[in-house]
Amino acid sequence: MAGQEHQRTAKVEPLRKTRPCPECNRPSTRENYPFCSDRCRNLDLSRWLKGSYAIPVADDESKADDDYRD
């Protein structure tokens, strides 16, 4: 019975394909996926919080429409 109890509480983590870290290109780890470490994960979070990642917005609607027609 002890073996069955262990099987029910065992933590199963699905396998993911290892990808390079978007910050430093080292292999990613399960704990920090898709990053390789807490440092790289926190660098990316810092950029999000500072607003470094943003979608460009056109002030003039007619100019934005012209860009998509080309």
PDB file of N, CA and C in Angstrom:
ATOM      1  N   MET A   1       0.814  -1.198   0.000  1.00  0.00           N
ATOM      2  CA  MET A   1       0.000   0.000   0.000  1.00  0.00           C
ATOM      3  C   MET A   1       0.855   1.260   0.000  1.00  0.00           C
ATOM      4  N   ALA A   2       2.009   1.211   0.643  1.00  0.00           N
ATOM      5  CA  ALA A   2       2.844   2.406   0.698  1.00  0.00           C
ATOM      6  C   ALA A   2       3.298   2.817  -0.697  1.00  0.00           C
ATOM      7  N   GLY A   3       3.544   1.837  -1.551  1.00  0.00           N
ATOM      8  CA  GLY A   3       3.955   2.137  -2.916  1.00  0.00           C
ATOM      9  C   GLY A   3       2.849   2.798  -3.715  1.00  0.00           C
ATOM     10  N   GLN A   4       1.605   2.363  -3.483  1.00  0.00           N
ATOM     11  CA  GLN A   4       0.473   2.964  -4.177  1.00  0.00           C
ATOM     12  C   GLN A   4       0.258   4.400  -3.719  1.00  0.00           C
ATOM     13  N   GLU A   5       0.424   4.660  -2.434  1.00  0.00           N
ATOM     14  CA  GLU A   5       0.263   6.022  -1.902  1.00  0.00           C
ATOM     15  C   GLU A   5       1.299   6.951  -2.526  1.00  0.00           C
ATOM     16  N   HIS A   6       2.516   6.457  -2.682  1.00  0.00           N
ATOM     17  CA  HIS A   6       3.580   7.260  -3.284  1.00  0.00           C
ATOM     18  C   HIS A   6       3.244   7.596  -4.736  1.00  0.00           C
ATOM     19  N   GLN A   7       2.656   6.652  -5.464  1.00  0.00           N
ATOM     20  CA  GLN A   7       2.318   6.890  -6.862  1.00  0.00           C
ATOM     21  C   GLN A   7       1.259   7.974  -7.003  1.00  0.00           C
ATOM     22  N   ARG A   8       0.318   8.053  -6.086  1.00  0.00           N
ATOM     23  CA  ARG A   8      -0.743   9.055  -6.170  1.00  0.00           C
ATOM     24  C   ARG A   8      -0.229  10.459  -5.882  1.00  0.00           C
ATOM     25  N   THR A   9       0.778  10.573  -5.046  1.00  0.00           N
ATOM     26  CA  THR A   9       1.278  11.888  -4.665  1.00  0.00           C
ATOM     27  C   THR A   9       2.516  12.304  -5.460  1.00  0.00           C
ATOM     28  N   ALA A  10       2.998  11.427  -6.331  1.00  0.00           N
ATOM     29  CA  ALA A  10       4.190  11.754  -7.116  1.00  0.00           C
ATOM     30  C   ALA A  10       3.885  12.911  -8.060  1.00  0.00           C
ATOM     31  N   LYS A  11       4.828  13.824  -8.169  1.00  0.00           N
ATOM     32  CA  LYS A  11       4.667  14.979  -9.042  1.00  0.00           C
ATOM     33  C   LYS A  11       5.146  14.608 -10.443  1.00  0.00           C
ATOM     34  N   VAL A  12       4.266  14.752 -11.401  1.00  0.00           N
ATOM     35  CA  VAL A  12       4.600  14.434 -12.783  1.00  0.00           C
ATOM     36  C   VAL A  12       4.691  15.740 -13.556  1.00  0.00           C
ATOM     37  N   GLU A  13       5.829  15.967 -14.166  1.00  0.00           N
ATOM     38  CA  GLU A  13       6.028  17.172 -14.962  1.00  0.00           C
ATOM     39  C   GLU A  13       6.124  16.778 -16.428  1.00  0.00           C
ATOM     40  N   PRO A  14       5.293  17.366 -17.284  1.00  0.00           N
ATOM     41  CA  PRO A  14       5.378  17.036 -18.707  1.00  0.00           C
ATOM     42  C   PRO A  14       6.694  17.530 -19.311  1.00  0.00           C
ATOM     43  N   LEU A  15       7.178  16.800 -20.272  1.00  0.00           N
ATOM     44  CA  LEU A  15       8.431  17.184 -20.923  1.00  0.00           C
ATOM     45  C   LEU A  15       8.154  18.188 -22.029  1.00  0.00           C
ATOM     46  N   ARG A  16       8.970  19.189 -22.106  1.00  0.00           N
ATOM     47  CA  ARG A  16       8.902  20.181 -23.174  1.00  0.00           C
ATOM     48  C   ARG A  16      10.201  20.137 -23.949  1.00  0.00           C
ATOM     49  N   LYS A  17      10.110  20.522 -25.183  1.00  0.00           N
ATOM     50  CA  LYS A  17      11.315  20.611 -25.995  1.00  0.00           C
ATOM     51  C   LYS A  17      12.188  21.729 -25.434  1.00  0.00           C
ATOM     52  N   THR A  18      13.471  21.446 -25.248  1.00  0.00           N
ATOM     53  CA  THR A  18      14.394  22.460 -24.747  1.00  0.00           C
ATOM     54  C   THR A  18      14.587  23.519 -25.819  1.00  0.00           C
ATOM     55  N   ARG A  19      14.412  24.767 -25.417  1.00  0.00           N
ATOM     56  CA  ARG A  19      14.583  25.890 -26.336  1.00  0.00           C
ATOM     57  C   ARG A  19      15.638  26.821 -25.762  1.00  0.00           C
ATOM     58  N   PRO A  20      16.267  27.604 -26.603  1.00  0.00           N
ATOM     59  CA  PRO A  20      17.231  28.569 -26.077  1.00  0.00           C
ATOM     60  C   PRO A  20      16.518  29.689 -25.329  1.00  0.00           C
ATOM     61  N   CYS A  21      17.144  30.156 -24.293  1.00  0.00           N
ATOM     62  CA  CYS A  21      16.626  31.271 -23.499  1.00  0.00           C
ATOM     63  C   CYS A  21      16.545  32.509 -24.398  1.00  0.00           C
ATOM     64  N   PRO A  22      15.426  33.242 -24.379  1.00  0.00           N
ATOM     65  CA  PRO A  22      15.315  34.437 -25.223  1.00  0.00           C
ATOM     66  C   PRO A  22      16.263  35.565 -24.813  1.00  0.00           C
ATOM     67  N   GLU A  23      16.819  35.497 -23.622  1.00  0.00           N
ATOM     68  CA  GLU A  23      17.733  36.541 -23.151  1.00  0.00           C
ATOM     69  C   GLU A  23      19.189  36.249 -23.500  1.00  0.00           C
ATOM     70  N   CYS A  24      19.641  35.016 -23.234  1.00  0.00           N
ATOM     71  CA  CYS A  24      21.079  34.730 -23.370  1.00  0.00           C
ATOM     72  C   CYS A  24      21.386  33.538 -24.282  1.00  0.00           C
ATOM     73  N   ASN A  25      20.364  32.872 -24.799  1.00  0.00           N
ATOM     74  CA  ASN A  25      20.496  31.729 -25.711  1.00  0.00           C
ATOM     75  C   ASN A  25      21.037  30.453 -25.080  1.00  0.00           C
ATOM     76  N   ARG A  26      21.150  30.391 -23.752  1.00  0.00           N
ATOM     77  CA  ARG A  26      21.498  29.126 -23.101  1.00  0.00           C
ATOM     78  C   ARG A  26      20.253  28.241 -23.076  1.00  0.00           C
ATOM     79  N   PRO A  27      20.394  26.928 -22.889  1.00  0.00           N
ATOM     80  CA  PRO A  27      19.220  26.046 -22.844  1.00  0.00           C
ATOM     81  C   PRO A  27      18.290  26.413 -21.684  1.00  0.00           C
ATOM     82  N   SER A  28      16.993  26.379 -21.933  1.00  0.00           N
ATOM     83  CA  SER A  28      16.016  26.712 -20.894  1.00  0.00           C
ATOM     84  C   SER A  28      15.919  25.575 -19.875  1.00  0.00           C
ATOM     85  N   THR A  29      15.408  25.893 -18.693  1.00  0.00           N
ATOM     86  CA  THR A  29      15.195  24.894 -17.650  1.00  0.00           C
ATOM     87  C   THR A  29      13.706  24.756 -17.386  1.00  0.00           C
ATOM     88  N   ARG A  30      13.302  23.634 -16.822  1.00  0.00           N
ATOM     89  CA  ARG A  30      11.889  23.416 -16.501  1.00  0.00           C
ATOM     90  C   ARG A  30      11.373  24.443 -15.509  1.00  0.00           C
ATOM     91  N   GLU A  31      12.162  24.744 -14.513  1.00  0.00           N
ATOM     92  CA  GLU A  31      11.724  25.644 -13.446  1.00  0.00           C
ATOM     93  C   GLU A  31      11.488  27.063 -13.949  1.00  0.00           C
ATOM     94  N   ASN A  32      12.224  27.473 -14.969  1.00  0.00           N
ATOM     95  CA  ASN A  32      12.164  28.861 -15.442  1.00  0.00           C
ATOM     96  C   ASN A  32      11.716  28.983 -16.895  1.00  0.00           C
ATOM     97  N   TYR A  33      11.123  27.958 -17.439  1.00  0.00           N
ATOM     98  CA  TYR A  33      10.747  27.925 -18.856  1.00  0.00           C
ATOM     99  C   TYR A  33       9.971  29.162 -19.257  1.00  0.00           C
ATOM    100  N   PRO A  34      10.277  29.811 -20.344  1.00  0.00           N
ATOM    101  CA  PRO A  34      11.239  29.487 -21.393  1.00  0.00           C
ATOM    102  C   PRO A  34      12.625  30.057 -21.146  1.00  0.00           C
ATOM    103  N   PHE A  35      12.901  30.503 -19.940  1.00  0.00           N
ATOM    104  CA  PHE A  35      14.198  31.098 -19.614  1.00  0.00           C
ATOM    105  C   PHE A  35      15.116  30.063 -18.986  1.00  0.00           C
ATOM    106  N   CYS A  36      16.394  30.412 -18.853  1.00  0.00           N
ATOM    107  CA  CYS A  36      17.371  29.485 -18.288  1.00  0.00           C
ATOM    108  C   CYS A  36      17.568  29.685 -16.792  1.00  0.00           C
ATOM    109  N   SER A  37      17.186  30.852 -16.271  1.00  0.00           N
ATOM    110  CA  SER A  37      17.436  31.144 -14.863  1.00  0.00           C
ATOM    111  C   SER A  37      16.477  32.221 -14.363  1.00  0.00           C
ATOM    112  N   ASP A  38      16.470  32.404 -13.040  1.00  0.00           N
ATOM    113  CA  ASP A  38      15.669  33.481 -12.445  1.00  0.00           C
ATOM    114  C   ASP A  38      16.143  34.841 -12.945  1.00  0.00           C
ATOM    115  N   ARG A  39      17.445  34.973 -13.139  1.00  0.00           N
ATOM    116  CA  ARG A  39      17.991  36.251 -13.602  1.00  0.00           C
ATOM    117  C   ARG A  39      17.389  36.654 -14.945  1.00  0.00           C
ATOM    118  N   CYS A  40      17.407  35.740 -15.903  1.00  0.00           N
ATOM    119  CA  CYS A  40      16.868  36.054 -17.231  1.00  0.00           C
ATOM    120  C   CYS A  40      15.361  36.282 -17.170  1.00  0.00           C
ATOM    121  N   ARG A  41      14.677  35.502 -16.363  1.00  0.00           N
ATOM    122  CA  ARG A  41      13.229  35.680 -16.218  1.00  0.00           C
ATOM    123  C   ARG A  41      12.922  37.051 -15.637  1.00  0.00           C
ATOM    124  N   ASN A  42      13.686  37.474 -14.644  1.00  0.00           N
ATOM    125  CA  ASN A  42      13.460  38.781 -14.022  1.00  0.00           C
ATOM    126  C   ASN A  42      13.843  39.938 -14.940  1.00  0.00           C
ATOM    127  N   LEU A  43      14.861  39.759 -15.767  1.00  0.00           N
ATOM    128  CA  LEU A  43      15.207  40.792 -16.753  1.00  0.00           C
ATOM    129  C   LEU A  43      14.043  41.032 -17.709  1.00  0.00           C
ATOM    130  N   ASP A  44      13.438  39.953 -18.174  1.00  0.00           N
ATOM    131  CA  ASP A  44      12.302  40.072 -19.083  1.00  0.00           C
ATOM    132  C   ASP A  44      11.108  40.718 -18.382  1.00  0.00           C
ATOM    133  N   LEU A  45      10.835  40.317 -17.155  1.00  0.00           N
ATOM    134  CA  LEU A  45       9.738  40.914 -16.391  1.00  0.00           C
ATOM    135  C   LEU A  45       9.972  42.405 -16.197  1.00  0.00           C
ATOM    136  N   SER A  46      11.200  42.785 -15.915  1.00  0.00           N
ATOM    137  CA  SER A  46      11.538  44.196 -15.734  1.00  0.00           C
ATOM    138  C   SER A  46      11.242  44.996 -17.001  1.00  0.00           C
ATOM    139  N   ARG A  47      11.564  44.430 -18.149  1.00  0.00           N
ATOM    140  CA  ARG A  47      11.276  45.126 -19.414  1.00  0.00           C
ATOM    141  C   ARG A  47       9.779  45.300 -19.622  1.00  0.00           C
ATOM    142  N   TRP A  48       8.993  44.281 -19.262  1.00  0.00           N
ATOM    143  CA  TRP A  48       7.532  44.405 -19.380  1.00  0.00           C
ATOM    144  C   TRP A  48       7.011  45.496 -18.459  1.00  0.00           C
ATOM    145  N   LEU A  49       7.496  45.512 -17.230  1.00  0.00           N
ATOM    146  CA  LEU A  49       7.000  46.485 -16.249  1.00  0.00           C
ATOM    147  C   LEU A  49       7.410  47.914 -16.593  1.00  0.00           C
ATOM    148  N   LYS A  50       8.558  48.093 -17.228  1.00  0.00           N
ATOM    149  CA  LYS A  50       9.009  49.432 -17.632  1.00  0.00           C
ATOM    150  C   LYS A  50       8.321  49.911 -18.902  1.00  0.00           C
ATOM    151  N   GLY A  51       7.640  49.011 -19.603  1.00  0.00           N
ATOM    152  CA  GLY A  51       6.970  49.390 -20.846  1.00  0.00           C
ATOM    153  C   GLY A  51       7.869  49.311 -22.064  1.00  0.00           C
ATOM    154  N   SER A  52       8.982  48.601 -21.951  1.00  0.00           N
ATOM    155  CA  SER A  52       9.892  48.472 -23.092  1.00  0.00           C
ATOM    156  C   SER A  52       9.269  47.676 -24.229  1.00  0.00           C
ATOM    157  N   TYR A  53       8.398  46.740 -23.887  1.00  0.00           N
ATOM    158  CA  TYR A  53       7.686  45.971 -24.903  1.00  0.00           C
ATOM    159  C   TYR A  53       6.354  46.665 -25.128  1.00  0.00           C
ATOM    160  N   ALA A  54       6.166  47.192 -26.310  1.00  0.00           N
ATOM    161  CA  ALA A  54       4.918  47.893 -26.616  1.00  0.00           C
ATOM    162  C   ALA A  54       4.582  47.716 -28.089  1.00  0.00           C
ATOM    163  N   ILE A  55       3.308  47.742 -28.375  1.00  0.00           N
ATOM    164  CA  ILE A  55       2.839  47.672 -29.753  1.00  0.00           C
ATOM    165  C   ILE A  55       2.777  49.090 -30.286  1.00  0.00           C
ATOM    166  N   PRO A  56       3.452  49.381 -31.401  1.00  0.00           N
ATOM    167  CA  PRO A  56       3.423  50.741 -31.938  1.00  0.00           C
ATOM    168  C   PRO A  56       2.010  51.115 -32.383  1.00  0.00           C
ATOM    169  N   VAL A  57       1.616  52.331 -32.063  1.00  0.00           N
ATOM    170  CA  VAL A  57       0.284  52.823 -32.399  1.00  0.00           C
ATOM    171  C   VAL A  57       0.428  54.033 -33.303  1.00  0.00           C
ATOM    172  N   ALA A  58      -0.336  54.059 -34.394  1.00  0.00           N
ATOM    173  CA  ALA A  58      -0.324  55.196 -35.314  1.00  0.00           C
ATOM    174  C   ALA A  58      -1.310  56.242 -34.814  1.00  0.00           C
ATOM    175  N   ASP A  59      -0.872  57.495 -34.759  1.00  0.00           N
ATOM    176  CA  ASP A  59      -1.754  58.576 -34.320  1.00  0.00           C
ATOM    177  C   ASP A  59      -2.802  58.902 -35.376  1.00  0.00           C
ATOM    178  N   ASP A  60      -2.438  58.737 -36.635  1.00  0.00           N
ATOM    179  CA  ASP A  60      -3.336  59.072 -37.732  1.00  0.00           C
ATOM    180  C   ASP A  60      -3.898  57.778 -38.324  1.00  0.00           C
ATOM    181  N   GLU A  61      -5.205  57.568 -38.224  1.00  0.00           N
ATOM    182  CA  GLU A  61      -5.838  56.343 -38.706  1.00  0.00           C
ATOM    183  C   GLU A  61      -5.653  56.137 -40.203  1.00  0.00           C
ATOM    184  N   SER A  62      -5.724  57.195 -41.015  1.00  0.00           N
ATOM    185  CA  SER A  62      -5.587  57.043 -42.464  1.00  0.00           C
ATOM    186  C   SER A  62      -4.180  56.573 -42.834  1.00  0.00           C
ATOM    187  N   LYS A  63      -3.179  57.018 -42.099  1.00  0.00           N
ATOM    188  CA  LYS A  63      -1.811  56.587 -42.359  1.00  0.00           C
ATOM    189  C   LYS A  63      -1.651  55.106 -42.021  1.00  0.00           C
ATOM    190  N   ALA A  64      -2.270  54.664 -40.950  1.00  0.00           N
ATOM    191  CA  ALA A  64      -2.186  53.259 -40.561  1.00  0.00           C
ATOM    192  C   ALA A  64      -2.835  52.372 -41.618  1.00  0.00           C
ATOM    193  N   ASP A  65      -3.960  52.798 -42.199  1.00  0.00           N
ATOM    194  CA  ASP A  65      -4.626  52.025 -43.245  1.00  0.00           C
ATOM    195  C   ASP A  65      -3.763  51.936 -44.497  1.00  0.00           C
ATOM    196  N   ASP A  66      -3.068  53.001 -44.842  1.00  0.00           N
ATOM    197  CA  ASP A  66      -2.202  53.011 -46.020  1.00  0.00           C
ATOM    198  C   ASP A  66      -1.065  52.007 -45.886  1.00  0.00           C
ATOM    199  N   ASP A  67      -0.553  51.833 -44.686  1.00  0.00           N
ATOM    200  CA  ASP A  67       0.545  50.903 -44.462  1.00  0.00           C
ATOM    201  C   ASP A  67       0.130  49.467 -44.761  1.00  0.00           C
ATOM    202  N   TYR A  68      -1.108  49.108 -44.497  1.00  0.00           N
ATOM    203  CA  TYR A  68      -1.566  47.743 -44.714  1.00  0.00           C
ATOM    204  C   TYR A  68      -1.912  47.455 -46.173  1.00  0.00           C
ATOM    205  N   ARG A  69      -2.122  48.452 -46.970  1.00  0.00           N
ATOM    206  CA  ARG A  69      -2.489  48.258 -48.376  1.00  0.00           C
ATOM    207  C   ARG A  69      -1.288  47.898 -49.235  1.00  0.00           C
ATOM    208  N   ASP A  70      -0.109  48.237 -48.803  1.00  0.00           N
ATOM    209  CA  ASP A  70       1.095  47.989 -49.615  1.00  0.00           C
ATOM    210  C   ASP A  70       1.452  46.544 -49.671  1.00  0.00           C
TER     211      ASP A  70
END
